Amino acid sequence: MPEDSKQFEIVREFEVDATPEEVWEAVTHGTGGYLWPMEPPEPRTGGRGPFGSTVTVWDPPHRYVNRVEDAEGISQQTLNQLDHTIEPRDGGRRAWVRYVHSGIFVDDWDNQYDGASRHTDFYLHTLREYLTHFAPRPVAFATVNGPEASTADGAFTAVTAALGLPPDAAAGDRVSVGGPGGRVLEAVLDYRDPYFVGLRTDDALIRFFGRDHWGAPVGISVHDFAPDVDPKANESAWQEWLDGVYA
């Protein structure tokens, strides 16, 4: 193992207005609704999980763990494990979730850990939004990255300016923002900090990632639950919008 390798562990706990079965379905089969589409795991301990992982615990709807080890490194890691524990609350009408992401980073540990930790908060928030407002509707997923100019430190502020978000707009506020093709989108601003912005429309979760903080391009993901939506059209529209921000 390289000398600068170091273990990490990111632990989060939360409750959500969804049954344990609904949470289980989301984290095993519905990942496109809040994260990105992944091949569902084989439903057994020892089965194949996403991204070459192995299912090490399969106990529906209570616990699901997958683990991948690669001595050559996987995205600046040699070990990655995702552990989901789900328990009923309020007679099974709600669920408590404990999520543990652990592994070994092999390079730039502080930056990698900071990025992973902050992304975890945003992704788990999006999971709760999906479970509360959209599950189990089918999703059309699209994601785009900005050009090289969007990797510059501070580049994310151009996105919030292009959206037209008021400086004092906070999570929970209703906002009108500028979208692709000059369209005005009516949405709830469901998440906002210096690193991420989340918008929830009647039919979609639109997520903006300020990855310039970690030297990567600014990104956008669209989880669209409208019937008969074309994800490629969403991708093209938002790519044009994002490229235009940094033109």
Foldseek 3Di string as FASTA:
>chain_A
DDPQKDKDKAKDKDKAQAFLQLLQCCVFQVVCQQHNGFDGWDQDQQTAHTPRWGWNDHDPSAKTKTKDAQPVDDPQFRIWMWIWGWDADPVRSMIMIMIMIMGMGNPPVVLVVVVVNVVVVRSVLSSRVCRVQPPPFDWQKAKDFEDLVQLAPPSCVLVCVQQVPPPPDAAQDWDWGQFFPRDTATWGFHDDDPAKTWTHGNFKIKIWGSCSVSRGTIMIMITGRDPPDDRVVVRVRRRVVRHVSVD
